[in-house]
């Protein structure tokens, strides 16, 4: 789906970063192909991320009242036309259906706006 301009993002906070090892492991186990993923958070994780995961710091974490501001600021500068977004505690616990991903890709490619 990357050809269609889809970025895959996992949002996290400093408090919930402990979930990242499980999130990354389960994502790689159940996503039907190797996917580059960007983790968006604040302080750099202390655990090593898998090779297909990159961490992007959004700066200083200012509290729950500001996370959506940080999201808007980040995506307004992004080149991605479409995104797949989850949070660090939204675990994928069964294989992702490749047919659904292909259907989403068709819908994305059909959108010529």
PDB file of N, CA and C in Angstrom:
ATOM      1  N   UNK A   1       0.809  -1.197   0.000  1.00  0.00           N
ATOM      2  CA  UNK A   1       0.000   0.000   0.000  1.00  0.00           C
ATOM      3  C   UNK A   1       0.849   1.258   0.000  1.00  0.00           C
ATOM      4  N   UNK A   2       2.132   1.149   0.216  1.00  0.00           N
ATOM      5  CA  UNK A   2       2.965   2.349   0.245  1.00  0.00           C
ATOM      6  C   UNK A   2       2.941   3.117  -1.062  1.00  0.00           C
ATOM      7  N   UNK A   3       2.764   2.436  -2.202  1.00  0.00           N
ATOM      8  CA  UNK A   3       2.722   3.119  -3.486  1.00  0.00           C
ATOM      9  C   UNK A   3       1.567   4.107  -3.561  1.00  0.00           C
ATOM     10  N   UNK A   4       0.531   3.884  -2.771  1.00  0.00           N
ATOM     11  CA  UNK A   4      -0.631   4.759  -2.798  1.00  0.00           C
ATOM     12  C   UNK A   4      -0.442   5.949  -1.863  1.00  0.00           C
ATOM     13  N   UNK A   5       0.719   6.068  -1.237  1.00  0.00           N
ATOM     14  CA  UNK A   5       0.960   7.195  -0.344  1.00  0.00           C
ATOM     15  C   UNK A   5       0.388   6.991   1.041  1.00  0.00           C
ATOM     16  N   UNK A   6       0.354   5.744   1.503  1.00  0.00           N
ATOM     17  CA  UNK A   6      -0.194   5.442   2.820  1.00  0.00           C
ATOM     18  C   UNK A   6       0.946   5.330   3.822  1.00  0.00           C
ATOM     19  N   UNK A   7       0.891   6.160   4.862  1.00  0.00           N
ATOM     20  CA  UNK A   7       1.853   6.068   5.949  1.00  0.00           C
ATOM     21  C   UNK A   7       1.248   5.286   7.097  1.00  0.00           C
ATOM     22  N   UNK A   8       2.028   4.429   7.720  1.00  0.00           N
ATOM     23  CA  UNK A   8       1.556   3.659   8.870  1.00  0.00           C
ATOM     24  C   UNK A   8       2.211   4.244  10.114  1.00  0.00           C
ATOM     25  N   UNK A   9       1.376   4.649  11.062  1.00  0.00           N
ATOM     26  CA  UNK A   9       1.830   5.360  12.250  1.00  0.00           C
ATOM     27  C   UNK A   9       1.274   4.728  13.511  1.00  0.00           C
ATOM     28  N   UNK A  10       2.117   4.707  14.538  1.00  0.00           N
ATOM     29  CA  UNK A  10       1.700   4.300  15.881  1.00  0.00           C
ATOM     30  C   UNK A  10       1.997   5.472  16.804  1.00  0.00           C
ATOM     31  N   UNK A  11       0.965   5.953  17.466  1.00  0.00           N
ATOM     32  CA  UNK A  11       1.116   7.060  18.422  1.00  0.00           C
ATOM     33  C   UNK A  11       1.358   6.511  19.811  1.00  0.00           C
ATOM     34  N   UNK A  12       2.218   7.199  20.572  1.00  0.00           N
ATOM     35  CA  UNK A  12       2.483   6.795  21.942  1.00  0.00           C
ATOM     36  C   UNK A  12       2.737   8.023  22.807  1.00  0.00           C
ATOM     37  N   UNK A  13       2.692   7.810  24.081  1.00  0.00           N
ATOM     38  CA  UNK A  13       3.045   8.851  25.053  1.00  0.00           C
ATOM     39  C   UNK A  13       4.162   8.300  25.924  1.00  0.00           C
ATOM     40  N   UNK A  14       4.800   9.158  26.678  1.00  0.00           N
ATOM     41  CA  UNK A  14       5.878   8.691  27.550  1.00  0.00           C
ATOM     42  C   UNK A  14       5.356   7.641  28.540  1.00  0.00           C
ATOM     43  N   UNK A  15       4.154   7.840  29.044  1.00  0.00           N
ATOM     44  CA  UNK A  15       3.571   6.935  30.043  1.00  0.00           C
ATOM     45  C   UNK A  15       3.312   5.540  29.471  1.00  0.00           C
ATOM     46  N   UNK A  16       2.918   5.471  28.197  1.00  0.00           N
ATOM     47  CA  UNK A  16       2.516   4.187  27.616  1.00  0.00           C
ATOM     48  C   UNK A  16       3.577   3.527  26.754  1.00  0.00           C
ATOM     49  N   UNK A  17       4.781   4.063  26.744  1.00  0.00           N
ATOM     50  CA  UNK A  17       5.837   3.501  25.907  1.00  0.00           C
ATOM     51  C   UNK A  17       6.196   2.072  26.264  1.00  0.00           C
ATOM     52  N   UNK A  18       5.855   1.652  27.453  1.00  0.00           N
ATOM     53  CA  UNK A  18       6.139   0.273  27.862  1.00  0.00           C
ATOM     54  C   UNK A  18       5.411  -0.731  26.970  1.00  0.00           C
ATOM     55  N   UNK A  19       4.367  -0.296  26.290  1.00  0.00           N
ATOM     56  CA  UNK A  19       3.612  -1.173  25.380  1.00  0.00           C
ATOM     57  C   UNK A  19       4.326  -1.404  24.050  1.00  0.00           C
ATOM     58  N   UNK A  20       5.281  -0.556  23.697  1.00  0.00           N
ATOM     59  CA  UNK A  20       5.880  -0.608  22.361  1.00  0.00           C
ATOM     60  C   UNK A  20       6.504  -1.957  21.985  1.00  0.00           C
ATOM     61  N   UNK A  21       7.258  -2.621  22.868  1.00  0.00           N
ATOM     62  CA  UNK A  21       7.822  -3.910  22.440  1.00  0.00           C
ATOM     63  C   UNK A  21       6.740  -4.907  22.002  1.00  0.00           C
ATOM     64  N   UNK A  22       5.658  -4.989  22.760  1.00  0.00           N
ATOM     65  CA  UNK A  22       4.571  -5.908  22.397  1.00  0.00           C
ATOM     66  C   UNK A  22       3.866  -5.434  21.134  1.00  0.00           C
ATOM     67  N   UNK A  23       3.648  -4.135  21.021  1.00  0.00           N
ATOM     68  CA  UNK A  23       2.978  -3.587  19.841  1.00  0.00           C
ATOM     69  C   UNK A  23       3.774  -3.890  18.573  1.00  0.00           C
ATOM     70  N   UNK A  24       5.071  -3.643  18.605  1.00  0.00           N
ATOM     71  CA  UNK A  24       5.929  -3.894  17.440  1.00  0.00           C
ATOM     72  C   UNK A  24       5.971  -5.379  17.101  1.00  0.00           C
ATOM     73  N   UNK A  25       6.133  -6.203  18.122  1.00  0.00           N
ATOM     74  CA  UNK A  25       6.190  -7.647  17.903  1.00  0.00           C
ATOM     75  C   UNK A  25       4.904  -8.151  17.244  1.00  0.00           C
ATOM     76  N   UNK A  26       3.760  -7.773  17.818  1.00  0.00           N
ATOM     77  CA  UNK A  26       2.482  -8.247  17.290  1.00  0.00           C
ATOM     78  C   UNK A  26       2.197  -7.672  15.905  1.00  0.00           C
ATOM     79  N   UNK A  27       2.571  -6.425  15.669  1.00  0.00           N
ATOM     80  CA  UNK A  27       2.392  -5.844  14.343  1.00  0.00           C
ATOM     81  C   UNK A  27       3.155  -6.661  13.314  1.00  0.00           C
ATOM     82  N   UNK A  28       4.429  -6.921  13.579  1.00  0.00           N
ATOM     83  CA  UNK A  28       5.250  -7.675  12.625  1.00  0.00           C
ATOM     84  C   UNK A  28       4.775  -9.125  12.475  1.00  0.00           C
ATOM     85  N   UNK A  29       4.244  -9.693  13.532  1.00  0.00           N
ATOM     86  CA  UNK A  29       3.759 -11.070  13.475  1.00  0.00           C
ATOM     87  C   UNK A  29       2.489 -11.187  12.630  1.00  0.00           C
ATOM     88  N   UNK A  30       1.576 -10.217  12.739  1.00  0.00           N
ATOM     89  CA  UNK A  30       0.261 -10.365  12.130  1.00  0.00           C
ATOM     90  C   UNK A  30       0.007  -9.501  10.897  1.00  0.00           C
ATOM     91  N   UNK A  31       0.880  -8.538  10.609  1.00  0.00           N
ATOM     92  CA  UNK A  31       0.721  -7.765   9.371  1.00  0.00           C
ATOM     93  C   UNK A  31       1.160  -8.675   8.240  1.00  0.00           C
ATOM     94  N   UNK A  32       0.453  -8.703   7.109  1.00  0.00           N
ATOM     95  CA  UNK A  32       0.737  -9.724   6.095  1.00  0.00           C
ATOM     96  C   UNK A  32       2.021  -9.523   5.296  1.00  0.00           C
ATOM     97  N   UNK A  33       2.707  -8.422   5.455  1.00  0.00           N
ATOM     98  CA  UNK A  33       3.979  -8.211   4.772  1.00  0.00           C
ATOM     99  C   UNK A  33       4.814  -7.237   5.589  1.00  0.00           C
ATOM    100  N   UNK A  34       6.100  -7.188   5.289  1.00  0.00           N
ATOM    101  CA  UNK A  34       6.994  -6.269   6.014  1.00  0.00           C
ATOM    102  C   UNK A  34       6.612  -4.832   5.664  1.00  0.00           C
ATOM    103  N   UNK A  35       6.314  -4.054   6.662  1.00  0.00           N
ATOM    104  CA  UNK A  35       5.795  -2.695   6.501  1.00  0.00           C
ATOM    105  C   UNK A  35       6.668  -1.726   7.286  1.00  0.00           C
ATOM    106  N   UNK A  36       7.044  -0.623   6.662  1.00  0.00           N
ATOM    107  CA  UNK A  36       7.721   0.432   7.406  1.00  0.00           C
ATOM    108  C   UNK A  36       6.688   1.168   8.250  1.00  0.00           C
ATOM    109  N   UNK A  37       7.018   1.374   9.518  1.00  0.00           N
ATOM    110  CA  UNK A  37       6.110   1.984  10.480  1.00  0.00           C
ATOM    111  C   UNK A  37       6.839   3.114  11.192  1.00  0.00           C
ATOM    112  N   UNK A  38       6.146   4.198  11.408  1.00  0.00           N
ATOM    113  CA  UNK A  38       6.703   5.318  12.164  1.00  0.00           C
ATOM    114  C   UNK A  38       5.969   5.410  13.500  1.00  0.00           C
ATOM    115  N   UNK A  39       6.750   5.443  14.571  1.00  0.00           N
ATOM    116  CA  UNK A  39       6.190   5.637  15.905  1.00  0.00           C
ATOM    117  C   UNK A  39       6.329   7.108  16.237  1.00  0.00           C
ATOM    118  N   UNK A  40       5.228   7.724  16.598  1.00  0.00           N
ATOM    119  CA  UNK A  40       5.204   9.139  16.953  1.00  0.00           C
ATOM    120  C   UNK A  40       5.022   9.254  18.453  1.00  0.00           C
ATOM    121  N   UNK A  41       5.967   9.933  19.085  1.00  0.00           N
ATOM    122  CA  UNK A  41       5.901  10.085  20.536  1.00  0.00           C
ATOM    123  C   UNK A  41       6.702  11.296  20.964  1.00  0.00           C
ATOM    124  N   UNK A  42       7.187  11.254  22.151  1.00  0.00           N
ATOM    125  CA  UNK A  42       7.889  12.412  22.720  1.00  0.00           C
ATOM    126  C   UNK A  42       9.321  12.041  23.090  1.00  0.00           C
ATOM    127  N   UNK A  43       9.535  11.414  24.245  1.00  0.00           N
ATOM    128  CA  UNK A  43      10.882  10.981  24.600  1.00  0.00           C
ATOM    129  C   UNK A  43      11.220   9.708  23.826  1.00  0.00           C
ATOM    130  N   UNK A  44      12.491   9.568  23.457  1.00  0.00           N
ATOM    131  CA  UNK A  44      12.934   8.400  22.699  1.00  0.00           C
ATOM    132  C   UNK A  44      12.742   7.132  23.538  1.00  0.00           C
ATOM    133  N   UNK A  45      12.246   6.050  22.919  1.00  0.00           N
ATOM    134  CA  UNK A  45      12.081   4.793  23.667  1.00  0.00           C
ATOM    135  C   UNK A  45      13.428   4.265  24.161  1.00  0.00           C
ATOM    136  N   UNK A  46      13.397   3.621  25.306  1.00  0.00           N
ATOM    137  CA  UNK A  46      14.628   3.039  25.850  1.00  0.00           C
ATOM    138  C   UNK A  46      14.873   1.652  25.279  1.00  0.00           C
ATOM    139  N   UNK A  47      13.845   1.034  24.721  1.00  0.00           N
ATOM    140  CA  UNK A  47      14.007  -0.287  24.121  1.00  0.00           C
ATOM    141  C   UNK A  47      14.331  -0.141  22.636  1.00  0.00           C
ATOM    142  N   UNK A  48      15.053  -1.120  22.108  1.00  0.00           N
ATOM    143  CA  UNK A  48      15.393  -1.113  20.686  1.00  0.00           C
ATOM    144  C   UNK A  48      14.154  -1.491  19.881  1.00  0.00           C
ATOM    145  N   UNK A  49      13.939  -0.762  18.810  1.00  0.00           N
ATOM    146  CA  UNK A  49      12.810  -1.032  17.926  1.00  0.00           C
ATOM    147  C   UNK A  49      13.254  -1.965  16.800  1.00  0.00           C
ATOM    148  N   UNK A  50      12.314  -2.755  16.246  1.00  0.00           N
ATOM    149  CA  UNK A  50      12.666  -3.568  15.073  1.00  0.00           C
ATOM    150  C   UNK A  50      13.123  -2.675  13.924  1.00  0.00           C
ATOM    151  N   UNK A  51      13.834  -3.248  12.979  1.00  0.00           N
ATOM    152  CA  UNK A  51      14.418  -2.492  11.866  1.00  0.00           C
ATOM    153  C   UNK A  51      13.393  -1.746  11.018  1.00  0.00           C
ATOM    154  N   UNK A  52      12.172  -2.226  10.949  1.00  0.00           N
ATOM    155  CA  UNK A  52      11.168  -1.576  10.103  1.00  0.00           C
ATOM    156  C   UNK A  52      10.365  -0.505  10.849  1.00  0.00           C
ATOM    157  N   UNK A  53      10.786  -0.172  12.077  1.00  0.00           N
ATOM    158  CA  UNK A  53      10.129   0.864  12.870  1.00  0.00           C
ATOM    159  C   UNK A  53      11.092   2.031  13.087  1.00  0.00           C
ATOM    160  N   UNK A  54      10.594   3.234  12.874  1.00  0.00           N
ATOM    161  CA  UNK A  54      11.359   4.448  13.142  1.00  0.00           C
ATOM    162  C   UNK A  54      10.604   5.264  14.178  1.00  0.00           C
ATOM    163  N   UNK A  55      11.350   5.923  15.051  1.00  0.00           N
ATOM    164  CA  UNK A  55      10.734   6.782  16.056  1.00  0.00           C
ATOM    165  C   UNK A  55      10.897   8.240  15.650  1.00  0.00           C
ATOM    166  N   UNK A  56       9.826   8.990  15.752  1.00  0.00           N
ATOM    167  CA  UNK A  56       9.846  10.427  15.483  1.00  0.00           C
ATOM    168  C   UNK A  56       9.373  11.139  16.746  1.00  0.00           C
ATOM    169  N   UNK A  57      10.216  11.995  17.282  1.00  0.00           N
ATOM    170  CA  UNK A  57       9.843  12.764  18.465  1.00  0.00           C
ATOM    171  C   UNK A  57       9.033  13.990  18.059  1.00  0.00           C
ATOM    172  N   UNK A  58       7.970  14.217  18.782  1.00  0.00           N
ATOM    173  CA  UNK A  58       7.130  15.395  18.561  1.00  0.00           C
ATOM    174  C   UNK A  58       7.522  16.531  19.491  1.00  0.00           C
ATOM    175  N   UNK A  59       8.665  16.382  20.151  1.00  0.00           N
ATOM    176  CA  UNK A  59       9.145  17.422  21.063  1.00  0.00           C
ATOM    177  C   UNK A  59       8.778  17.116  22.505  1.00  0.00           C
ATOM    178  N   UNK A  60       8.519  18.140  23.247  1.00  0.00           N
ATOM    179  CA  UNK A  60       8.192  18.000  24.674  1.00  0.00           C
ATOM    180  C   UNK A  60       6.724  17.612  24.826  1.00  0.00           C
ATOM    181  N   UNK A  61       6.502  16.588  25.646  1.00  0.00           N
ATOM    182  CA  UNK A  61       5.129  16.183  25.930  1.00  0.00           C
ATOM    183  C   UNK A  61       4.507  17.199  26.880  1.00  0.00           C
ATOM    184  N   UNK A  62       3.412  17.805  26.442  1.00  0.00           N
ATOM    185  CA  UNK A  62       2.784  18.888  27.211  1.00  0.00           C
ATOM    186  C   UNK A  62       1.544  18.467  27.959  1.00  0.00           C
ATOM    187  N   UNK A  63       1.139  17.224  27.837  1.00  0.00           N
ATOM    188  CA  UNK A  63      -0.028  16.742  28.561  1.00  0.00           C
ATOM    189  C   UNK A  63      -1.179  16.375  27.639  1.00  0.00           C
ATOM    190  N   UNK A  64      -2.185  15.708  28.196  1.00  0.00           N
ATOM    191  CA  UNK A  64      -3.289  15.184  27.393  1.00  0.00           C
ATOM    192  C   UNK A  64      -4.086  16.244  26.633  1.00  0.00           C
ATOM    193  N   UNK A  65      -4.083  17.453  27.089  1.00  0.00           N
ATOM    194  CA  UNK A  65      -4.846  18.512  26.415  1.00  0.00           C
ATOM    195  C   UNK A  65      -4.234  18.896  25.074  1.00  0.00           C
ATOM    196  N   UNK A  66      -3.003  18.489  24.825  1.00  0.00           N
ATOM    197  CA  UNK A  66      -2.286  18.945  23.629  1.00  0.00           C
ATOM    198  C   UNK A  66      -2.005  17.865  22.595  1.00  0.00           C
ATOM    199  N   UNK A  67      -2.310  16.588  22.893  1.00  0.00           N
ATOM    200  CA  UNK A  67      -1.916  15.537  21.963  1.00  0.00           C
ATOM    201  C   UNK A  67      -2.564  15.719  20.594  1.00  0.00           C
ATOM    202  N   UNK A  68      -3.801  16.180  20.552  1.00  0.00           N
ATOM    203  CA  UNK A  68      -4.427  16.364  19.244  1.00  0.00           C
ATOM    204  C   UNK A  68      -3.800  17.537  18.493  1.00  0.00           C
ATOM    205  N   UNK A  69      -3.338  18.561  19.223  1.00  0.00           N
ATOM    206  CA  UNK A  69      -2.601  19.651  18.569  1.00  0.00           C
ATOM    207  C   UNK A  69      -1.325  19.124  17.927  1.00  0.00           C
ATOM    208  N   UNK A  70      -0.635  18.241  18.656  1.00  0.00           N
ATOM    209  CA  UNK A  70       0.594  17.643  18.120  1.00  0.00           C
ATOM    210  C   UNK A  70       0.290  16.796  16.886  1.00  0.00           C
ATOM    211  N   UNK A  71      -0.839  16.088  16.909  1.00  0.00           N
ATOM    212  CA  UNK A  71      -1.245  15.259  15.788  1.00  0.00           C
ATOM    213  C   UNK A  71      -1.516  16.134  14.557  1.00  0.00           C
ATOM    214  N   UNK A  72      -2.276  17.194  14.743  1.00  0.00           N
ATOM    215  CA  UNK A  72      -2.596  18.103  13.637  1.00  0.00           C
ATOM    216  C   UNK A  72      -1.326  18.733  13.090  1.00  0.00           C
ATOM    217  N   UNK A  73      -0.444  19.158  13.970  1.00  0.00           N
ATOM    218  CA  UNK A  73       0.808  19.781  13.532  1.00  0.00           C
ATOM    219  C   UNK A  73       1.643  18.794  12.717  1.00  0.00           C
ATOM    220  N   UNK A  74       1.753  17.558  13.199  1.00  0.00           N
ATOM    221  CA  UNK A  74       2.559  16.569  12.493  1.00  0.00           C
ATOM    222  C   UNK A  74       1.973  16.263  11.115  1.00  0.00           C
ATOM    223  N   UNK A  75       0.697  15.924  11.069  1.00  0.00           N
ATOM    224  CA  UNK A  75       0.093  15.515   9.797  1.00  0.00           C
ATOM    225  C   UNK A  75      -0.038  16.667   8.806  1.00  0.00           C
ATOM    226  N   UNK A  76      -0.103  17.888   9.287  1.00  0.00           N
ATOM    227  CA  UNK A  76      -0.184  19.017   8.349  1.00  0.00           C
ATOM    228  C   UNK A  76       1.116  19.196   7.575  1.00  0.00           C
ATOM    229  N   UNK A  77       2.203  18.635   8.088  1.00  0.00           N
ATOM    230  CA  UNK A  77       3.505  18.711   7.412  1.00  0.00           C
ATOM    231  C   UNK A  77       3.871  17.409   6.696  1.00  0.00           C
ATOM    232  N   UNK A  78       3.001  16.420   6.791  1.00  0.00           N
ATOM    233  CA  UNK A  78       3.277  15.105   6.217  1.00  0.00           C
ATOM    234  C   UNK A  78       2.999  15.093   4.719  1.00  0.00           C
ATOM    235  N   UNK A  79       3.762  14.279   3.986  1.00  0.00           N
ATOM    236  CA  UNK A  79       3.547  14.101   2.554  1.00  0.00           C
ATOM    237  C   UNK A  79       2.536  12.997   2.253  1.00  0.00           C
ATOM    238  N   UNK A  80       2.133  12.244   3.279  1.00  0.00           N
ATOM    239  CA  UNK A  80       1.200  11.144   3.065  1.00  0.00           C
ATOM    240  C   UNK A  80      -0.189  11.672   2.735  1.00  0.00           C
ATOM    241  N   UNK A  81      -0.754  11.113   1.689  1.00  0.00           N
ATOM    242  CA  UNK A  81      -2.121  11.474   1.332  1.00  0.00           C
ATOM    243  C   UNK A  81      -3.102  10.708   2.219  1.00  0.00           C
ATOM    244  N   UNK A  82      -2.726   9.485   2.602  1.00  0.00           N
ATOM    245  CA  UNK A  82      -3.559   8.634   3.444  1.00  0.00           C
ATOM    246  C   UNK A  82      -2.702   8.061   4.564  1.00  0.00           C
ATOM    247  N   UNK A  83      -3.363   7.727   5.672  1.00  0.00           N
ATOM    248  CA  UNK A  83      -2.638   7.147   6.806  1.00  0.00           C
ATOM    249  C   UNK A  83      -3.412   5.965   7.373  1.00  0.00           C
ATOM    250  N   UNK A  84      -2.667   5.060   7.968  1.00  0.00           N
ATOM    251  CA  UNK A  84      -3.213   4.006   8.806  1.00  0.00           C
ATOM    252  C   UNK A  84      -2.624   4.319  10.167  1.00  0.00           C
ATOM    253  N   UNK A  85      -3.478   4.571  11.135  1.00  0.00           N
ATOM    254  CA  UNK A  85      -3.008   5.041  12.439  1.00  0.00           C
ATOM    255  C   UNK A  85      -3.581   4.183  13.554  1.00  0.00           C
ATOM    256  N   UNK A  86      -2.705   3.789  14.475  1.00  0.00           N
ATOM    257  CA  UNK A  86      -3.141   3.102  15.690  1.00  0.00           C
ATOM    258  C   UNK A  86      -2.379   3.689  16.866  1.00  0.00           C
ATOM    259  N   UNK A  87      -2.792   3.325  18.058  1.00  0.00           N
ATOM    260  CA  UNK A  87      -2.095   3.730  19.268  1.00  0.00           C
ATOM    261  C   UNK A  87      -1.341   2.539  19.814  1.00  0.00           C
ATOM    262  N   UNK A  88      -0.372   2.820  20.661  1.00  0.00           N
ATOM    263  CA  UNK A  88       0.535   1.775  21.128  1.00  0.00           C
ATOM    264  C   UNK A  88      -0.161   0.679  21.912  1.00  0.00           C
ATOM    265  N   UNK A  89      -1.327   0.927  22.438  1.00  0.00           N
ATOM    266  CA  UNK A  89      -2.023  -0.100  23.208  1.00  0.00           C
ATOM    267  C   UNK A  89      -3.168  -0.746  22.427  1.00  0.00           C
ATOM    268  N   UNK A  90      -3.174  -0.549  21.121  1.00  0.00           N
ATOM    269  CA  UNK A  90      -4.151  -1.207  20.232  1.00  0.00           C
ATOM    270  C   UNK A  90      -3.447  -2.376  19.563  1.00  0.00           C
ATOM    271  N   UNK A  91      -3.395  -3.488  20.250  1.00  0.00           N
ATOM    272  CA  UNK A  91      -2.630  -4.631  19.777  1.00  0.00           C
ATOM    273  C   UNK A  91      -3.357  -5.366  18.649  1.00  0.00           C
ATOM    274  N   UNK A  92      -2.612  -5.708  17.610  1.00  0.00           N
ATOM    275  CA  UNK A  92      -3.130  -6.590  16.560  1.00  0.00           C
ATOM    276  C   UNK A  92      -2.944  -8.009  17.094  1.00  0.00           C
ATOM    277  N   UNK A  93      -4.040  -8.751  17.225  1.00  0.00           N
ATOM    278  CA  UNK A  93      -3.949 -10.055  17.883  1.00  0.00           C
ATOM    279  C   UNK A  93      -4.329 -11.220  16.977  1.00  0.00           C
ATOM    280  N   UNK A  94      -4.573 -10.930  15.706  1.00  0.00           N
ATOM    281  CA  UNK A  94      -4.794 -12.007  14.747  1.00  0.00           C
ATOM    282  C   UNK A  94      -4.338 -11.503  13.383  1.00  0.00           C
ATOM    283  N   UNK A  95      -4.095 -12.425  12.458  1.00  0.00           N
ATOM    284  CA  UNK A  95      -3.584 -12.004  11.147  1.00  0.00           C
ATOM    285  C   UNK A  95      -4.498 -10.976  10.474  1.00  0.00           C
ATOM    286  N   UNK A  96      -3.867  -9.935   9.933  1.00  0.00           N
ATOM    287  CA  UNK A  96      -4.591  -8.912   9.185  1.00  0.00           C
ATOM    288  C   UNK A  96      -4.956  -9.515   7.833  1.00  0.00           C
ATOM    289  N   UNK A  97      -6.191  -9.337   7.437  1.00  0.00           N
ATOM    290  CA  UNK A  97      -6.701  -9.908   6.194  1.00  0.00           C
ATOM    291  C   UNK A  97      -6.142  -9.131   5.002  1.00  0.00           C
ATOM    292  N   UNK A  98      -5.316  -9.794   4.210  1.00  0.00           N
ATOM    293  CA  UNK A  98      -4.692  -9.159   3.050  1.00  0.00           C
ATOM    294  C   UNK A  98      -5.748  -8.673   2.056  1.00  0.00           C
ATOM    295  N   UNK A  99      -6.868  -9.368   1.949  1.00  0.00           N
ATOM    296  CA  UNK A  99      -7.933  -8.950   1.023  1.00  0.00           C
ATOM    297  C   UNK A  99      -8.483  -7.585   1.421  1.00  0.00           C
ATOM    298  N   UNK A 100      -8.577  -7.335   2.709  1.00  0.00           N
ATOM    299  CA  UNK A 100      -9.064  -6.028   3.167  1.00  0.00           C
ATOM    300  C   UNK A 100      -8.050  -4.939   2.833  1.00  0.00           C
ATOM    301  N   UNK A 101      -6.766  -5.228   3.006  1.00  0.00           N
ATOM    302  CA  UNK A 101      -5.742  -4.247   2.648  1.00  0.00           C
ATOM    303  C   UNK A 101      -5.749  -3.962   1.148  1.00  0.00           C
ATOM    304  N   UNK A 102      -5.923  -4.999   0.336  1.00  0.00           N
ATOM    305  CA  UNK A 102      -5.985  -4.797  -1.116  1.00  0.00           C
ATOM    306  C   UNK A 102      -7.216  -3.982  -1.511  1.00  0.00           C
ATOM    307  N   UNK A 103      -8.332  -4.233  -0.840  1.00  0.00           N
ATOM    308  CA  UNK A 103      -9.539  -3.444  -1.112  1.00  0.00           C
ATOM    309  C   UNK A 103      -9.310  -1.985  -0.734  1.00  0.00           C
ATOM    310  N   UNK A 104      -8.694  -1.748   0.404  1.00  0.00           N
ATOM    311  CA  UNK A 104      -8.388  -0.368   0.816  1.00  0.00           C
ATOM    312  C   UNK A 104      -7.471   0.297  -0.204  1.00  0.00           C
ATOM    313  N   UNK A 105      -6.514  -0.458  -0.721  1.00  0.00           N
ATOM    314  CA  UNK A 105      -5.600   0.080  -1.733  1.00  0.00           C
ATOM    315  C   UNK A 105      -6.361   0.461  -3.007  1.00  0.00           C
ATOM    316  N   UNK A 106      -7.301  -0.371  -3.419  1.00  0.00           N
ATOM    317  CA  UNK A 106      -8.117  -0.059  -4.602  1.00  0.00           C
ATOM    318  C   UNK A 106      -8.918   1.223  -4.402  1.00  0.00           C
ATOM    319  N   UNK A 107      -9.493   1.365  -3.224  1.00  0.00           N
ATOM    320  CA  UNK A 107     -10.273   2.562  -2.915  1.00  0.00           C
ATOM    321  C   UNK A 107      -9.374   3.792  -2.949  1.00  0.00           C
ATOM    322  N   UNK A 108      -8.194   3.667  -2.376  1.00  0.00           N
ATOM    323  CA  UNK A 108      -7.246   4.770  -2.362  1.00  0.00           C
ATOM    324  C   UNK A 108      -6.824   5.149  -3.781  1.00  0.00           C
ATOM    325  N   UNK A 109      -6.498   4.161  -4.585  1.00  0.00           N
ATOM    326  CA  UNK A 109      -6.065   4.428  -5.951  1.00  0.00           C
ATOM    327  C   UNK A 109      -7.194   4.984  -6.815  1.00  0.00           C
ATOM    328  N   UNK A 110      -8.430   4.649  -6.489  1.00  0.00           N
ATOM    329  CA  UNK A 110      -9.574   5.156  -7.241  1.00  0.00           C
ATOM    330  C   UNK A 110      -9.850   6.625  -6.926  1.00  0.00           C
ATOM    331  N   UNK A 111      -9.362   7.083  -5.775  1.00  0.00           N
ATOM    332  CA  UNK A 111      -9.568   8.482  -5.371  1.00  0.00           C
ATOM    333  C   UNK A 111      -8.529   9.351  -6.075  1.00  0.00           C
ATOM    334  N   UNK A 112      -8.948  10.028  -7.091  1.00  0.00           N
ATOM    335  CA  UNK A 112      -8.026  10.854  -7.886  1.00  0.00           C
ATOM    336  C   UNK A 112      -8.117  12.333  -7.532  1.00  0.00           C
ATOM    337  N   UNK A 113      -8.782  12.667  -6.439  1.00  0.00           N
ATOM    338  CA  UNK A 113      -8.945  14.087  -6.059  1.00  0.00           C
ATOM    339  C   UNK A 113      -7.634  14.713  -5.706  1.00  0.00           C
TER     340      UNK A 113
END
